N, C-alpha and C. Protein backbone atom coordinates (compact mmCIF):
# COMPACT_ATOMS: atom_id res chain seq x y z
N MET A 1 71.98 -11.35 -31.94
CA MET A 1 71.03 -10.59 -32.61
C MET A 1 71.55 -10.48 -34.16
N LYS A 2 70.52 -10.81 -35.06
CA LYS A 2 70.98 -10.80 -36.38
C LYS A 2 70.70 -9.27 -36.97
N MET A 3 71.51 -8.91 -37.85
CA MET A 3 71.54 -7.38 -38.37
C MET A 3 71.68 -7.46 -39.73
N ARG A 4 71.04 -6.41 -40.48
CA ARG A 4 71.18 -6.19 -41.82
C ARG A 4 71.42 -4.69 -41.91
N GLY A 5 72.87 -4.33 -42.13
CA GLY A 5 73.11 -2.81 -42.08
C GLY A 5 72.98 -2.47 -40.60
N SER A 6 72.34 -1.45 -40.43
CA SER A 6 71.95 -0.86 -39.03
C SER A 6 70.60 -1.31 -38.60
N LYS A 7 69.91 -2.15 -39.26
CA LYS A 7 68.59 -2.69 -38.95
C LYS A 7 68.78 -4.07 -38.20
N GLN A 8 67.98 -4.28 -37.35
CA GLN A 8 67.80 -5.70 -36.77
C GLN A 8 66.79 -6.49 -37.54
N LEU A 9 67.20 -7.76 -37.68
CA LEU A 9 66.22 -8.74 -38.36
C LEU A 9 65.40 -9.49 -37.28
N CYS A 10 64.28 -9.90 -37.90
CA CYS A 10 63.22 -10.74 -37.14
C CYS A 10 64.05 -11.95 -36.45
N SER A 11 63.54 -12.12 -35.22
CA SER A 11 64.12 -13.22 -34.49
C SER A 11 63.32 -14.54 -34.58
N ALA A 12 62.38 -14.61 -35.44
CA ALA A 12 61.61 -15.84 -35.72
C ALA A 12 62.20 -16.67 -36.71
N THR A 13 61.66 -17.96 -36.92
CA THR A 13 62.13 -18.74 -37.94
C THR A 13 60.95 -18.93 -38.79
N ASN A 14 61.14 -19.28 -40.09
CA ASN A 14 60.14 -19.58 -41.11
C ASN A 14 59.75 -21.04 -40.91
N ARG A 15 58.60 -21.42 -41.55
CA ARG A 15 58.11 -22.74 -41.49
C ARG A 15 59.05 -23.90 -41.70
N ASP A 16 59.90 -23.49 -42.65
CA ASP A 16 60.94 -24.49 -43.00
C ASP A 16 62.20 -24.56 -42.12
N GLY A 17 62.17 -23.72 -41.09
CA GLY A 17 63.13 -23.78 -40.09
C GLY A 17 64.35 -22.73 -40.39
N SER A 18 64.30 -22.05 -41.52
CA SER A 18 65.18 -21.18 -41.88
C SER A 18 64.93 -19.79 -41.20
N ALA A 19 65.99 -19.04 -40.96
CA ALA A 19 65.86 -17.68 -40.33
C ALA A 19 65.08 -16.67 -41.04
N CYS A 20 64.15 -16.04 -40.45
CA CYS A 20 63.44 -14.87 -41.09
C CYS A 20 64.39 -13.66 -41.44
N HIS A 21 64.20 -13.15 -42.74
CA HIS A 21 64.98 -12.08 -43.07
C HIS A 21 64.34 -10.79 -42.93
N GLY A 22 63.13 -10.66 -42.42
CA GLY A 22 62.37 -9.49 -42.34
C GLY A 22 62.89 -8.55 -41.42
N MET A 23 62.63 -7.28 -41.42
CA MET A 23 63.02 -6.25 -40.58
C MET A 23 62.32 -6.25 -39.32
N ALA A 24 62.93 -6.33 -38.04
CA ALA A 24 62.32 -6.39 -36.89
C ALA A 24 61.68 -5.11 -36.39
N LEU A 25 60.54 -5.24 -35.73
CA LEU A 25 59.87 -4.12 -35.14
C LEU A 25 60.35 -4.00 -33.72
N ALA A 26 59.56 -3.10 -32.93
CA ALA A 26 59.96 -2.97 -31.62
C ALA A 26 59.97 -4.21 -30.74
N ASP A 27 59.22 -5.24 -31.08
CA ASP A 27 59.08 -6.30 -30.28
C ASP A 27 60.01 -7.54 -30.58
N GLY A 28 60.93 -7.10 -31.75
CA GLY A 28 61.88 -8.05 -32.17
C GLY A 28 61.44 -9.02 -33.28
N PHE A 29 60.25 -8.94 -33.68
CA PHE A 29 59.64 -9.49 -34.77
C PHE A 29 59.26 -8.72 -35.92
N CYS A 30 59.19 -9.33 -37.08
CA CYS A 30 58.69 -8.62 -38.27
C CYS A 30 57.14 -8.67 -38.25
N PHE A 31 56.47 -7.97 -39.26
CA PHE A 31 54.93 -7.93 -39.21
C PHE A 31 54.44 -9.29 -39.28
N SER A 32 55.00 -10.13 -40.13
CA SER A 32 54.53 -11.53 -40.31
C SER A 32 54.57 -12.38 -39.04
N HIS A 33 55.52 -12.14 -38.17
CA HIS A 33 55.65 -13.01 -37.09
C HIS A 33 55.38 -12.44 -35.65
N SER A 34 55.12 -11.13 -35.62
CA SER A 34 54.82 -10.43 -34.47
C SER A 34 53.47 -10.90 -33.73
N PRO A 35 53.46 -11.47 -32.55
CA PRO A 35 52.24 -12.01 -31.90
C PRO A 35 51.32 -10.82 -31.68
N ALA A 36 51.85 -9.67 -31.39
CA ALA A 36 51.02 -8.45 -31.12
C ALA A 36 50.22 -7.90 -32.37
N LEU A 37 50.75 -8.32 -33.62
CA LEU A 37 50.07 -7.88 -34.80
C LEU A 37 49.23 -8.98 -35.47
N ARG A 38 48.93 -10.00 -34.85
CA ARG A 38 48.14 -11.18 -35.36
C ARG A 38 46.81 -10.64 -35.93
N GLU A 39 46.10 -9.90 -35.23
CA GLU A 39 44.76 -9.41 -35.74
C GLU A 39 44.92 -8.54 -36.95
N LYS A 40 45.92 -7.66 -36.96
CA LYS A 40 46.02 -6.87 -38.18
C LYS A 40 46.54 -7.67 -39.31
N ARG A 41 47.27 -8.81 -39.14
CA ARG A 41 47.71 -9.65 -40.17
C ARG A 41 46.42 -10.41 -40.73
N MET A 42 45.60 -10.84 -39.93
CA MET A 42 44.41 -11.53 -40.35
C MET A 42 43.52 -10.66 -41.16
N ALA A 43 43.32 -9.32 -40.78
CA ALA A 43 42.64 -8.42 -41.31
C ALA A 43 43.25 -8.15 -42.72
N ALA A 44 44.50 -7.93 -42.83
CA ALA A 44 45.02 -7.66 -44.18
C ALA A 44 44.96 -9.01 -45.11
N ARG A 45 45.10 -10.16 -44.52
CA ARG A 45 44.86 -11.25 -45.47
C ARG A 45 43.51 -11.25 -45.96
N SER A 46 42.58 -11.07 -45.01
CA SER A 46 41.07 -11.21 -45.67
C SER A 46 40.85 -10.11 -46.67
N LYS A 47 41.39 -8.86 -46.31
CA LYS A 47 41.11 -7.81 -47.29
C LYS A 47 41.84 -8.06 -48.60
N GLY A 48 42.96 -8.60 -48.54
CA GLY A 48 43.78 -8.87 -49.62
C GLY A 48 42.91 -9.93 -50.61
N GLY A 49 42.43 -10.92 -49.94
CA GLY A 49 41.68 -12.02 -50.77
C GLY A 49 40.44 -11.40 -51.49
N GLN A 50 39.74 -10.37 -50.80
CA GLN A 50 38.63 -9.77 -51.25
C GLN A 50 39.00 -8.87 -52.50
N HIS A 51 40.12 -8.38 -52.54
CA HIS A 51 40.45 -7.45 -53.62
C HIS A 51 41.35 -8.06 -54.65
N SER A 52 41.38 -9.31 -54.70
CA SER A 52 42.22 -9.96 -55.78
C SER A 52 41.72 -9.65 -57.15
N ALA A 53 42.61 -9.67 -58.09
CA ALA A 53 42.18 -9.25 -59.37
C ALA A 53 41.20 -10.26 -60.02
N LYS A 54 41.23 -11.57 -59.67
CA LYS A 54 40.29 -12.56 -60.21
C LYS A 54 38.89 -12.20 -59.60
N THR A 55 38.79 -11.99 -58.36
CA THR A 55 37.52 -11.60 -57.76
C THR A 55 36.85 -10.28 -58.42
N ALA A 56 37.65 -9.30 -58.55
CA ALA A 56 37.29 -8.15 -59.17
C ALA A 56 36.77 -8.27 -60.49
N ARG A 57 37.48 -9.06 -61.32
CA ARG A 57 36.89 -9.24 -62.79
C ARG A 57 35.74 -10.04 -62.71
N LEU A 58 35.50 -11.05 -61.92
CA LEU A 58 34.35 -11.75 -61.81
C LEU A 58 33.16 -11.01 -61.37
N GLN A 59 33.31 -9.89 -60.50
CA GLN A 59 32.33 -9.14 -59.99
C GLN A 59 31.88 -8.10 -61.19
N LYS A 60 32.95 -7.74 -61.90
CA LYS A 60 32.51 -6.74 -63.12
C LYS A 60 31.72 -7.46 -64.25
N MET A 61 31.97 -8.87 -64.34
CA MET A 61 31.27 -9.51 -65.38
C MET A 61 29.96 -9.94 -65.01
N MET A 62 29.65 -10.08 -63.62
CA MET A 62 28.38 -10.58 -63.15
C MET A 62 27.38 -9.42 -62.87
N PRO A 63 26.00 -9.69 -63.20
CA PRO A 63 25.13 -8.62 -63.00
C PRO A 63 25.23 -8.26 -61.47
N PRO A 64 25.04 -6.96 -61.21
CA PRO A 64 25.28 -6.44 -59.81
C PRO A 64 24.39 -7.22 -58.78
N ARG A 65 23.05 -7.54 -59.24
CA ARG A 65 22.26 -8.16 -58.34
C ARG A 65 22.65 -9.52 -57.95
N LEU A 66 23.48 -10.19 -58.68
CA LEU A 66 23.95 -11.54 -58.37
C LEU A 66 25.18 -11.47 -57.56
N VAL A 67 25.88 -10.48 -57.46
CA VAL A 67 27.14 -10.33 -56.68
C VAL A 67 26.90 -10.89 -55.19
N PRO A 68 25.87 -10.43 -54.48
CA PRO A 68 25.63 -10.95 -53.07
C PRO A 68 25.42 -12.39 -52.98
N VAL A 69 24.69 -12.97 -54.14
CA VAL A 69 24.54 -14.39 -54.15
C VAL A 69 25.89 -15.15 -54.14
N PHE A 70 26.74 -14.55 -55.07
CA PHE A 70 28.11 -15.30 -55.26
C PHE A 70 28.96 -15.22 -53.93
N LEU A 71 28.79 -14.05 -53.41
CA LEU A 71 29.61 -13.83 -52.06
C LEU A 71 29.00 -14.70 -50.96
N LEU A 72 27.72 -14.91 -50.98
CA LEU A 72 27.15 -15.83 -50.00
C LEU A 72 27.63 -17.20 -50.15
N LEU A 73 27.59 -17.59 -51.46
CA LEU A 73 28.03 -18.98 -51.83
C LEU A 73 29.45 -19.16 -51.55
N GLU A 74 30.28 -18.12 -51.70
CA GLU A 74 31.69 -18.27 -51.37
C GLU A 74 31.77 -18.46 -49.89
N THR A 75 31.11 -17.77 -49.00
CA THR A 75 31.03 -17.97 -47.59
C THR A 75 30.67 -19.20 -47.26
N VAL A 76 29.49 -19.71 -47.85
CA VAL A 76 29.10 -21.09 -47.47
C VAL A 76 30.13 -22.09 -47.83
N LEU A 77 30.82 -22.12 -48.99
CA LEU A 77 31.84 -23.06 -49.35
C LEU A 77 32.94 -22.95 -48.22
N LYS A 78 33.42 -21.93 -47.87
CA LYS A 78 34.44 -21.75 -46.93
C LYS A 78 33.94 -22.41 -45.51
N GLU A 79 32.79 -22.16 -45.09
CA GLU A 79 32.20 -22.61 -43.91
C GLU A 79 31.93 -24.17 -43.94
N LEU A 80 31.59 -24.63 -45.12
CA LEU A 80 31.46 -25.99 -45.28
C LEU A 80 32.88 -26.65 -45.12
N TYR A 81 33.75 -26.15 -45.71
CA TYR A 81 35.15 -26.65 -45.78
C TYR A 81 35.76 -26.69 -44.24
N ASP A 82 35.47 -25.56 -43.52
CA ASP A 82 35.86 -25.50 -42.16
C ASP A 82 35.05 -26.27 -41.22
N ARG A 83 34.00 -26.91 -41.72
CA ARG A 83 33.03 -27.62 -40.96
C ARG A 83 32.40 -26.82 -39.97
N GLN A 84 32.00 -25.63 -40.37
CA GLN A 84 31.26 -24.79 -39.53
C GLN A 84 29.67 -25.02 -39.80
N ILE A 85 29.41 -25.37 -40.89
CA ILE A 85 28.00 -25.75 -41.28
C ILE A 85 27.91 -27.09 -41.84
N ASP A 86 26.81 -27.72 -41.79
CA ASP A 86 26.74 -29.10 -42.34
C ASP A 86 26.39 -29.12 -43.87
N ALA A 87 26.43 -30.33 -44.48
CA ALA A 87 26.33 -30.37 -45.82
C ALA A 87 25.01 -30.21 -46.23
N LYS A 88 23.92 -30.57 -45.35
CA LYS A 88 22.49 -30.45 -45.82
C LYS A 88 22.26 -28.86 -45.85
N THR A 89 22.70 -28.11 -44.91
CA THR A 89 22.45 -26.68 -44.86
C THR A 89 23.20 -26.09 -46.09
N ALA A 90 24.33 -26.42 -46.39
CA ALA A 90 24.95 -25.93 -47.57
C ALA A 90 24.16 -26.21 -48.85
N GLN A 91 23.67 -27.43 -48.93
CA GLN A 91 22.89 -27.87 -50.08
C GLN A 91 21.60 -27.10 -50.25
N ALA A 92 20.86 -26.81 -49.12
CA ALA A 92 19.78 -25.97 -49.19
C ALA A 92 20.02 -24.61 -49.63
N ILE A 93 21.07 -23.97 -49.16
CA ILE A 93 21.55 -22.64 -49.53
C ILE A 93 21.88 -22.62 -51.00
N ALA A 94 22.51 -23.62 -51.48
CA ALA A 94 22.82 -23.73 -52.94
C ALA A 94 21.58 -23.76 -53.79
N SER A 95 20.68 -24.63 -53.30
CA SER A 95 19.40 -24.85 -54.00
C SER A 95 18.61 -23.57 -54.26
N VAL A 96 18.50 -22.86 -53.11
CA VAL A 96 17.82 -21.56 -53.15
C VAL A 96 18.44 -20.52 -53.91
N SER A 97 19.75 -20.42 -53.86
CA SER A 97 20.63 -19.57 -54.77
C SER A 97 20.38 -20.00 -56.12
N ARG A 98 20.34 -21.22 -56.59
CA ARG A 98 20.15 -21.56 -57.95
C ARG A 98 18.69 -21.17 -58.54
N SER A 99 17.73 -21.21 -57.52
CA SER A 99 16.44 -20.73 -57.93
C SER A 99 16.38 -19.20 -58.09
N LEU A 100 17.19 -18.51 -57.17
CA LEU A 100 17.21 -17.03 -57.34
C LEU A 100 17.82 -16.71 -58.75
N VAL A 101 19.02 -17.39 -58.99
CA VAL A 101 19.61 -16.96 -60.34
C VAL A 101 18.81 -17.25 -61.46
N PHE A 102 18.04 -18.45 -61.39
CA PHE A 102 17.11 -18.84 -62.41
C PHE A 102 15.97 -17.82 -62.70
N VAL A 103 15.45 -17.33 -61.50
CA VAL A 103 14.33 -16.31 -61.64
C VAL A 103 14.96 -15.00 -62.22
N PHE A 104 16.14 -14.65 -61.76
CA PHE A 104 16.75 -13.38 -62.24
C PHE A 104 17.10 -13.45 -63.59
N THR A 105 17.62 -14.64 -64.25
CA THR A 105 17.95 -14.80 -65.59
C THR A 105 16.67 -14.73 -66.38
N ALA A 106 15.70 -15.46 -65.99
CA ALA A 106 14.33 -15.42 -66.75
C ALA A 106 13.77 -14.12 -66.85
N GLY A 107 13.87 -13.32 -65.76
CA GLY A 107 13.38 -12.00 -65.88
C GLY A 107 14.22 -10.98 -66.83
N GLU A 108 15.54 -11.21 -66.71
CA GLU A 108 16.44 -10.50 -67.53
C GLU A 108 16.17 -10.79 -69.02
N LEU A 109 15.96 -12.06 -69.23
CA LEU A 109 15.73 -12.44 -70.70
C LEU A 109 14.32 -11.84 -71.15
N GLU A 110 13.26 -11.90 -70.37
CA GLU A 110 12.07 -11.39 -70.67
C GLU A 110 12.12 -9.87 -70.96
N GLU A 111 12.98 -9.13 -70.13
CA GLU A 111 13.11 -7.78 -70.31
C GLU A 111 13.80 -7.48 -71.74
N ARG A 112 14.87 -8.29 -72.07
CA ARG A 112 15.32 -8.05 -73.31
C ARG A 112 14.56 -8.40 -74.57
N VAL A 113 13.71 -9.42 -74.36
CA VAL A 113 12.74 -9.67 -75.40
C VAL A 113 11.74 -8.59 -75.75
N ARG A 114 11.31 -7.92 -74.60
CA ARG A 114 10.39 -6.82 -74.67
C ARG A 114 10.97 -5.60 -75.24
N ALA A 115 12.30 -5.30 -74.96
CA ALA A 115 12.96 -4.22 -75.53
C ALA A 115 13.10 -4.48 -77.01
N LEU A 116 13.49 -5.78 -77.43
CA LEU A 116 13.60 -5.96 -78.90
C LEU A 116 12.25 -5.86 -79.66
N GLU A 117 11.08 -6.32 -78.97
CA GLU A 117 9.91 -6.23 -79.63
C GLU A 117 9.36 -4.75 -79.78
N LYS A 118 9.77 -3.90 -78.77
CA LYS A 118 9.41 -2.56 -78.73
C LYS A 118 10.19 -1.81 -79.77
N SER A 119 11.52 -2.13 -80.01
CA SER A 119 12.30 -1.57 -81.01
C SER A 119 11.84 -1.77 -82.36
N ARG A 120 11.08 -2.91 -82.63
CA ARG A 120 10.80 -3.35 -83.99
C ARG A 120 9.44 -2.65 -84.32
N LYS A 121 8.73 -2.10 -83.43
CA LYS A 121 7.26 -1.46 -83.69
C LYS A 121 7.50 -0.12 -84.26
């Protein structure tokens, strides 16, 4: 049994074959290696990715109405990579998304032009 002070260390090995130096929980494994905590680990990874600084900055720069389109395309990319959907379906989704963004952008531009014209009168 590996120990660090009065604490027991995880009994698992890392991918490179070295001993894990994480603190063991009741089952003898750390949070990262415990089979009983697999679902919690997966949820934490997913949540961590959703709240990354890069994603948060991108969502602040993007018009709020386009955020769902971006998130959908991000999901499509992952599903395409994981081969959960075929390329034709992904292409169709991307094409419709492009059209939505085009319509939104045209509408926003028209709204700005009207506001400028109104302010000049």
